[in-house]
PDB file of all heavy atoms in Angstrom:
ATOM      1  N   ARG A   1     111.080  23.150 -15.629  1.00  0.00           N
ATOM      2  CA  ARG A   1     111.491  23.276 -14.220  1.00  0.00           C
ATOM      3  C   ARG A   1     111.673  24.731 -13.804  1.00  0.00           C
ATOM      4  O   ARG A   1     111.557  25.063 -12.621  1.00  0.00           O
ATOM      5  CB  ARG A   1     112.804  22.518 -13.972  1.00  0.00           C
ATOM      6  CG  ARG A   1     112.665  21.019 -13.910  1.00  0.00           C
ATOM      7  CD  ARG A   1     113.900  20.378 -13.288  1.00  0.00           C
ATOM      8  NE  ARG A   1     115.120  20.742 -14.000  1.00  0.00           N
ATOM      9  CZ  ARG A   1     115.603  20.079 -15.040  1.00  0.00           C
ATOM     10  NH1 ARG A   1     114.939  19.026 -15.506  1.00  0.00           N
ATOM     11  NH2 ARG A   1     116.735  20.461 -15.622  1.00  0.00           N
ATOM     12  N   HIS A   2     111.963  25.598 -14.761  1.00  0.00           N
ATOM     13  CA  HIS A   2     112.235  26.990 -14.434  1.00  0.00           C
ATOM     14  C   HIS A   2     111.014  27.897 -14.567  1.00  0.00           C
ATOM     15  O   HIS A   2     111.138  29.116 -14.479  1.00  0.00           O
ATOM     16  CB  HIS A   2     113.377  27.520 -15.305  1.00  0.00           C
ATOM     17  CG  HIS A   2     114.711  26.942 -14.942  1.00  0.00           C
ATOM     18  ND1 HIS A   2     115.332  25.958 -15.677  1.00  0.00           N
ATOM     19  CD2 HIS A   2     115.535  27.188 -13.895  1.00  0.00           C
ATOM     20  CE1 HIS A   2     116.482  25.642 -15.117  1.00  0.00           C
ATOM     21  NE2 HIS A   2     116.631  26.379 -14.031  1.00  0.00           N
ATOM     22  N   LEU A   3     109.865  27.327 -14.797  1.00  0.00           N
ATOM     23  CA  LEU A   3     108.644  28.120 -14.799  1.00  0.00           C
ATOM     24  C   LEU A   3     108.343  28.628 -13.393  1.00  0.00           C
ATOM     25  O   LEU A   3     108.723  28.000 -12.395  1.00  0.00           O
ATOM     26  CB  LEU A   3     107.457  27.291 -15.297  1.00  0.00           C
ATOM     27  CG  LEU A   3     107.429  26.935 -16.787  1.00  0.00           C
ATOM     28  CD1 LEU A   3     106.316  25.923 -17.062  1.00  0.00           C
ATOM     29  CD2 LEU A   3     107.234  28.172 -17.651  1.00  0.00           C
ATOM     30  N   ASP A   4     107.667  29.749 -13.305  1.00  0.00           N
ATOM     31  CA  ASP A   4     107.233  30.269 -12.007  1.00  0.00           C
ATOM     32  C   ASP A   4     105.871  29.654 -11.700  1.00  0.00           C
ATOM     33  O   ASP A   4     104.826  30.192 -12.066  1.00  0.00           O
ATOM     34  CB  ASP A   4     107.137  31.794 -12.055  1.00  0.00           C
ATOM     35  CG  ASP A   4     106.900  32.404 -10.680  1.00  0.00           C
ATOM     36  OD1 ASP A   4     106.392  31.689  -9.804  1.00  0.00           O
ATOM     37  OD2 ASP A   4     107.222  33.590 -10.495  1.00  0.00           O
ATOM     38  N   PHE A   5     105.894  28.512 -11.030  1.00  0.00           N
ATOM     39  CA  PHE A   5     104.658  27.774 -10.773  1.00  0.00           C
ATOM     40  C   PHE A   5     103.762  28.499  -9.771  1.00  0.00           C
ATOM     41  O   PHE A   5     102.546  28.344  -9.806  1.00  0.00           O
ATOM     42  CB  PHE A   5     104.977  26.361 -10.284  1.00  0.00           C
ATOM     43  CG  PHE A   5     105.537  25.467 -11.352  1.00  0.00           C
ATOM     44  CD1 PHE A   5     106.895  25.213 -11.418  1.00  0.00           C
ATOM     45  CD2 PHE A   5     104.705  24.919 -12.324  1.00  0.00           C
ATOM     46  CE1 PHE A   5     107.415  24.398 -12.418  1.00  0.00           C
ATOM     47  CE2 PHE A   5     105.214  24.107 -13.325  1.00  0.00           C
ATOM     48  CZ  PHE A   5     106.573  23.845 -13.373  1.00  0.00           C
ATOM     49  N   LEU A   6     104.353  29.293  -8.893  1.00  0.00           N
ATOM     50  CA  LEU A   6     103.534  30.050  -7.946  1.00  0.00           C
ATOM     51  C   LEU A   6     102.720  31.109  -8.680  1.00  0.00           C
ATOM     52  O   LEU A   6     101.537  31.327  -8.374  1.00  0.00           O
ATOM     53  CB  LEU A   6     104.428  30.696  -6.891  1.00  0.00           C
ATOM     54  CG  LEU A   6     103.716  31.404  -5.736  1.00  0.00           C
ATOM     55  CD1 LEU A   6     102.734  30.466  -5.043  1.00  0.00           C
ATOM     56  CD2 LEU A   6     104.733  31.944  -4.725  1.00  0.00           C
ATOM     57  N   LEU A   7     103.324  31.754  -9.668  1.00  0.00           N
ATOM     58  CA  LEU A   7     102.601  32.731 -10.485  1.00  0.00           C
ATOM     59  C   LEU A   7     101.480  32.047 -11.254  1.00  0.00           C
ATOM     60  O   LEU A   7     100.344  32.542 -11.300  1.00  0.00           O
ATOM     61  CB  LEU A   7     103.557  33.424 -11.457  1.00  0.00           C
ATOM     62  CG  LEU A   7     102.925  34.362 -12.495  1.00  0.00           C
ATOM     63  CD1 LEU A   7     102.177  35.497 -11.818  1.00  0.00           C
ATOM     64  CD2 LEU A   7     103.989  34.912 -13.441  1.00  0.00           C
ATOM     65  N   LEU A   8     101.771  30.902 -11.852  1.00  0.00           N
ATOM     66  CA  LEU A   8     100.741  30.170 -12.602  1.00  0.00           C
ATOM     67  C   LEU A   8      99.604  29.732 -11.688  1.00  0.00           C
ATOM     68  O   LEU A   8      98.426  29.795 -12.074  1.00  0.00           O
ATOM     69  CB  LEU A   8     101.371  28.955 -13.297  1.00  0.00           C
ATOM     70  CG  LEU A   8     102.354  29.247 -14.433  1.00  0.00           C
ATOM     71  CD1 LEU A   8     102.947  27.948 -14.961  1.00  0.00           C
ATOM     72  CD2 LEU A   8     101.656  30.007 -15.564  1.00  0.00           C
ATOM     73  N   ALA A   9      99.945  29.292 -10.478  1.00  0.00           N
ATOM     74  CA  ALA A   9      98.913  28.859  -9.540  1.00  0.00           C
ATOM     75  C   ALA A   9      98.021  30.027  -9.130  1.00  0.00           C
ATOM     76  O   ALA A   9      96.792  29.891  -9.022  1.00  0.00           O
ATOM     77  CB  ALA A   9      99.565  28.236  -8.306  1.00  0.00           C
ATOM     78  N   ALA A  10      98.642  31.187  -8.899  1.00  0.00           N
ATOM     79  CA  ALA A  10      97.861  32.368  -8.526  1.00  0.00           C
ATOM     80  C   ALA A  10      96.923  32.788  -9.650  1.00  0.00           C
ATOM     81  O   ALA A  10      95.762  33.146  -9.411  1.00  0.00           O
ATOM     82  CB  ALA A  10      98.799  33.515  -8.157  1.00  0.00           C
ATOM     83  N   VAL A  11      97.418  32.746 -10.893  1.00  0.00           N
ATOM     84  CA  VAL A  11      96.588  33.103 -12.042  1.00  0.00           C
ATOM     85  C   VAL A  11      95.437  32.107 -12.202  1.00  0.00           C
ATOM     86  O   VAL A  11      94.288  32.505 -12.432  1.00  0.00           O
ATOM     87  CB  VAL A  11      97.441  33.154 -13.329  1.00  0.00           C
ATOM     88  CG1 VAL A  11      96.548  33.282 -14.564  1.00  0.00           C
ATOM     89  CG2 VAL A  11      98.424  34.318 -13.259  1.00  0.00           C
ATOM     90  N   ALA A  12      95.737  30.819 -12.062  1.00  0.00           N
ATOM     91  CA  ALA A  12      94.693  29.794 -12.181  1.00  0.00           C
ATOM     92  C   ALA A  12      93.623  29.978 -11.107  1.00  0.00           C
ATOM     93  O   ALA A  12      92.415  29.869 -11.380  1.00  0.00           O
ATOM     94  CB  ALA A  12      95.313  28.402 -12.080  1.00  0.00           C
ATOM     95  N   ALA A  13      94.056  30.269  -9.883  1.00  0.00           N
ATOM     96  CA  ALA A  13      93.100  30.481  -8.794  1.00  0.00           C
ATOM     97  C   ALA A  13      92.248  31.715  -9.045  1.00  0.00           C
ATOM     98  O   ALA A  13      91.031  31.707  -8.811  1.00  0.00           O
ATOM     99  CB  ALA A  13      93.850  30.612  -7.469  1.00  0.00           C
ATOM    100  N   LEU A  14      92.879  32.775  -9.538  1.00  0.00           N
ATOM    101  CA  LEU A  14      92.140  34.014  -9.789  1.00  0.00           C
ATOM    102  C   LEU A  14      91.131  33.839 -10.921  1.00  0.00           C
ATOM    103  O   LEU A  14      89.991  34.309 -10.826  1.00  0.00           O
ATOM    104  CB  LEU A  14      93.125  35.131 -10.132  1.00  0.00           C
ATOM    105  CG  LEU A  14      92.536  36.536 -10.303  1.00  0.00           C
ATOM    106  CD1 LEU A  14      91.835  36.985  -9.027  1.00  0.00           C
ATOM    107  CD2 LEU A  14      93.632  37.530 -10.672  1.00  0.00           C
ATOM    108  N   VAL A  15      91.541  33.167 -11.992  1.00  0.00           N
ATOM    109  CA  VAL A  15      90.624  32.929 -13.108  1.00  0.00           C
ATOM    110  C   VAL A  15      89.448  32.058 -12.658  1.00  0.00           C
ATOM    111  O   VAL A  15      88.287  32.330 -13.001  1.00  0.00           O
ATOM    112  CB  VAL A  15      91.374  32.281 -14.285  1.00  0.00           C
ATOM    113  CG1 VAL A  15      90.391  31.788 -15.345  1.00  0.00           C
ATOM    114  CG2 VAL A  15      92.349  33.264 -14.907  1.00  0.00           C
ATOM    115  N   SER A  16      89.724  31.019 -11.885  1.00  0.00           N
ATOM    116  CA  SER A  16      88.656  30.147 -11.390  1.00  0.00           C
ATOM    117  C   SER A  16      87.696  30.914 -10.486  1.00  0.00           C
ATOM    118  O   SER A  16      86.471  30.768 -10.596  1.00  0.00           O
ATOM    119  CB  SER A  16      89.272  28.969 -10.623  1.00  0.00           C
ATOM    120  OG  SER A  16      90.123  28.207 -11.449  1.00  0.00           O
ATOM    121  N   TYR A  17      88.264  31.726  -9.618  1.00  0.00           N
ATOM    122  CA  TYR A  17      87.427  32.543  -8.727  1.00  0.00           C
ATOM    123  C   TYR A  17      86.595  33.528  -9.544  1.00  0.00           C
ATOM    124  O   TYR A  17      85.416  33.755  -9.265  1.00  0.00           O
ATOM    125  CB  TYR A  17      88.340  33.283  -7.754  1.00  0.00           C
ATOM    126  CG  TYR A  17      87.630  33.910  -6.574  1.00  0.00           C
ATOM    127  CD1 TYR A  17      86.493  33.333  -6.024  1.00  0.00           C
ATOM    128  CD2 TYR A  17      88.108  35.087  -6.008  1.00  0.00           C
ATOM    129  CE1 TYR A  17      85.861  33.903  -4.929  1.00  0.00           C
ATOM    130  CE2 TYR A  17      87.490  35.668  -4.910  1.00  0.00           C
ATOM    131  CZ  TYR A  17      86.364  35.069  -4.378  1.00  0.00           C
ATOM    132  OH  TYR A  17      85.736  35.644  -3.297  1.00  0.00           O
ATOM    133  N   GLY A  18      87.211  34.101 -10.583  1.00  0.00           N
ATOM    134  CA  GLY A  18      86.485  35.034 -11.433  1.00  0.00           C
ATOM    135  C   GLY A  18      85.320  34.370 -12.150  1.00  0.00           C
ATOM    136  O   GLY A  18      84.238  34.964 -12.273  1.00  0.00           O
ATOM    137  N   LEU A  19      85.519  33.158 -12.630  1.00  0.00           N
ATOM    138  CA  LEU A  19      84.427  32.430 -13.293  1.00  0.00           C
ATOM    139  C   LEU A  19      83.305  32.131 -12.308  1.00  0.00           C
ATOM    140  O   LEU A  19      82.115  32.217 -12.657  1.00  0.00           O
ATOM    141  CB  LEU A  19      84.961  31.128 -13.896  1.00  0.00           C
ATOM    142  CG  LEU A  19      85.857  31.273 -15.128  1.00  0.00           C
ATOM    143  CD1 LEU A  19      86.457  29.926 -15.499  1.00  0.00           C
ATOM    144  CD2 LEU A  19      85.074  31.844 -16.306  1.00  0.00           C
ATOM    145  N   LEU A  20      83.675  31.797 -11.079  1.00  0.00           N
ATOM    146  CA  LEU A  20      82.671  31.539 -10.043  1.00  0.00           C
ATOM    147  C   LEU A  20      81.863  32.798  -9.754  1.00  0.00           C
ATOM    148  O   LEU A  20      80.624  32.761  -9.658  1.00  0.00           O
ATOM    149  CB  LEU A  20      83.367  31.046  -8.776  1.00  0.00           C
ATOM    150  CG  LEU A  20      82.460  30.720  -7.576  1.00  0.00           C
ATOM    151  CD1 LEU A  20      81.553  29.538  -7.906  1.00  0.00           C
ATOM    152  CD2 LEU A  20      83.290  30.413  -6.338  1.00  0.00           C
ATOM    153  N   VAL A  21      82.552  33.914  -9.637  1.00  0.00           N
ATOM    154  CA  VAL A  21      81.879  35.198  -9.377  1.00  0.00           C
ATOM    155  C   VAL A  21      80.991  35.572 -10.552  1.00  0.00           C
ATOM    156  O   VAL A  21      79.831  35.972 -10.377  1.00  0.00           O
ATOM    157  CB  VAL A  21      82.922  36.297  -9.112  1.00  0.00           C
ATOM    158  CG1 VAL A  21      82.262  37.669  -9.079  1.00  0.00           C
ATOM    159  CG2 VAL A  21      83.667  36.030  -7.813  1.00  0.00           C
ATOM    160  N   LEU A  22      81.513  35.447 -11.764  1.00  0.00           N
ATOM    161  CA  LEU A  22      80.748  35.820 -12.952  1.00  0.00           C
ATOM    162  C   LEU A  22      79.500  34.965 -13.091  1.00  0.00           C
ATOM    163  O   LEU A  22      78.432  35.465 -13.466  1.00  0.00           O
ATOM    164  CB  LEU A  22      81.632  35.661 -14.196  1.00  0.00           C
ATOM    165  CG  LEU A  22      81.077  36.227 -15.497  1.00  0.00           C
ATOM    166  CD1 LEU A  22      80.940  37.743 -15.411  1.00  0.00           C
ATOM    167  CD2 LEU A  22      81.979  35.855 -16.674  1.00  0.00           C
ATOM    168  N   SER A  23      79.605  33.682 -12.774  1.00  0.00           N
ATOM    169  CA  SER A  23      78.442  32.802 -12.838  1.00  0.00           C
ATOM    170  C   SER A  23      77.344  33.261 -11.889  1.00  0.00           C
ATOM    171  O   SER A  23      76.150  33.233 -12.222  1.00  0.00           O
ATOM    172  CB  SER A  23      78.865  31.370 -12.493  1.00  0.00           C
ATOM    173  OG  SER A  23      77.754  30.503 -12.452  1.00  0.00           O
ATOM    174  N   ALA A  24      77.758  33.723 -10.703  1.00  0.00           N
ATOM    175  CA  ALA A  24      76.779  34.149  -9.704  1.00  0.00           C
ATOM    176  C   ALA A  24      76.132  35.483 -10.055  1.00  0.00           C
ATOM    177  O   ALA A  24      74.925  35.662  -9.879  1.00  0.00           O
ATOM    178  CB  ALA A  24      77.445  34.235  -8.332  1.00  0.00           C
ATOM    179  N   VAL A  25      76.905  36.427 -10.585  1.00  0.00           N
ATOM    180  CA  VAL A  25      76.367  37.768 -10.804  1.00  0.00           C
ATOM    181  C   VAL A  25      75.602  37.902 -12.110  1.00  0.00           C
ATOM    182  O   VAL A  25      74.891  38.886 -12.313  1.00  0.00           O
ATOM    183  CB  VAL A  25      77.490  38.838 -10.760  1.00  0.00           C
ATOM    184  CG1 VAL A  25      78.248  38.756  -9.437  1.00  0.00           C
ATOM    185  CG2 VAL A  25      78.429  38.712 -11.930  1.00  0.00           C
ATOM    186  N   THR A  26      75.729  36.931 -13.009  1.00  0.00           N
ATOM    187  CA  THR A  26      75.049  37.034 -14.316  1.00  0.00           C
ATOM    188  C   THR A  26      73.988  35.963 -14.524  1.00  0.00           C
ATOM    189  O   THR A  26      73.449  35.843 -15.618  1.00  0.00           O
ATOM    190  CB  THR A  26      76.076  36.924 -15.472  1.00  0.00           C
ATOM    191  OG1 THR A  26      76.720  35.643 -15.424  1.00  0.00           O
ATOM    192  CG2 THR A  26      77.121  38.022 -15.375  1.00  0.00           C
ATOM    193  N   ARG A  27      73.666  35.213 -13.501  1.00  0.00           N
ATOM    194  CA  ARG A  27      72.759  34.078 -13.675  1.00  0.00           C
ATOM    195  C   ARG A  27      71.362  34.499 -14.111  1.00  0.00           C
ATOM    196  O   ARG A  27      70.635  33.715 -14.732  1.00  0.00           O
ATOM    197  CB  ARG A  27      72.672  33.277 -12.381  1.00  0.00           C
ATOM    198  CG  ARG A  27      72.119  34.059 -11.190  1.00  0.00           C
ATOM    199  CD  ARG A  27      71.936  33.187  -9.981  1.00  0.00           C
ATOM    200  NE  ARG A  27      71.198  33.884  -8.930  1.00  0.00           N
ATOM    201  CZ  ARG A  27      70.633  33.271  -7.895  1.00  0.00           C
ATOM    202  NH1 ARG A  27      70.738  31.963  -7.765  1.00  0.00           N
ATOM    203  NH2 ARG A  27      69.974  33.978  -6.997  1.00  0.00           N
ATOM    204  N   ASP A  28      70.967  35.739 -13.792  1.00  0.00           N
ATOM    205  CA  ASP A  28      69.622  36.213 -14.163  1.00  0.00           C
ATOM    206  C   ASP A  28      69.657  37.224 -15.310  1.00  0.00           C
ATOM    207  O   ASP A  28      68.618  37.795 -15.653  1.00  0.00           O
ATOM    208  CB  ASP A  28      68.944  36.865 -12.947  1.00  0.00           C
ATOM    209  CG  ASP A  28      68.755  35.882 -11.796  1.00  0.00           C
ATOM    210  OD1 ASP A  28      68.427  34.714 -12.069  1.00  0.00           O
ATOM    211  OD2 ASP A  28      68.959  36.283 -10.629  1.00  0.00           O
ATOM    212  N   ASP A  29      70.815  37.444 -15.898  1.00  0.00           N
ATOM    213  CA  ASP A  29      70.930  38.484 -16.916  1.00  0.00           C
ATOM    214  C   ASP A  29      70.316  38.091 -18.252  1.00  0.00           C
ATOM    215  O   ASP A  29      69.817  38.945 -18.998  1.00  0.00           O
ATOM    216  CB  ASP A  29      72.407  38.849 -17.130  1.00  0.00           C
ATOM    217  CG  ASP A  29      72.979  39.666 -15.981  1.00  0.00           C
ATOM    218  OD1 ASP A  29      72.244  39.902 -15.012  1.00  0.00           O
ATOM    219  OD2 ASP A  29      74.146  40.072 -16.064  1.00  0.00           O
TER     220      ASP A  29
END
């Protein structure tokens, strides 16, 4: 209950966005 869920949500969103970006920029590498 005392976890910072907003911090975890922000990290999860950033990691997911990063994977999406990485998939797009490296698809032809």
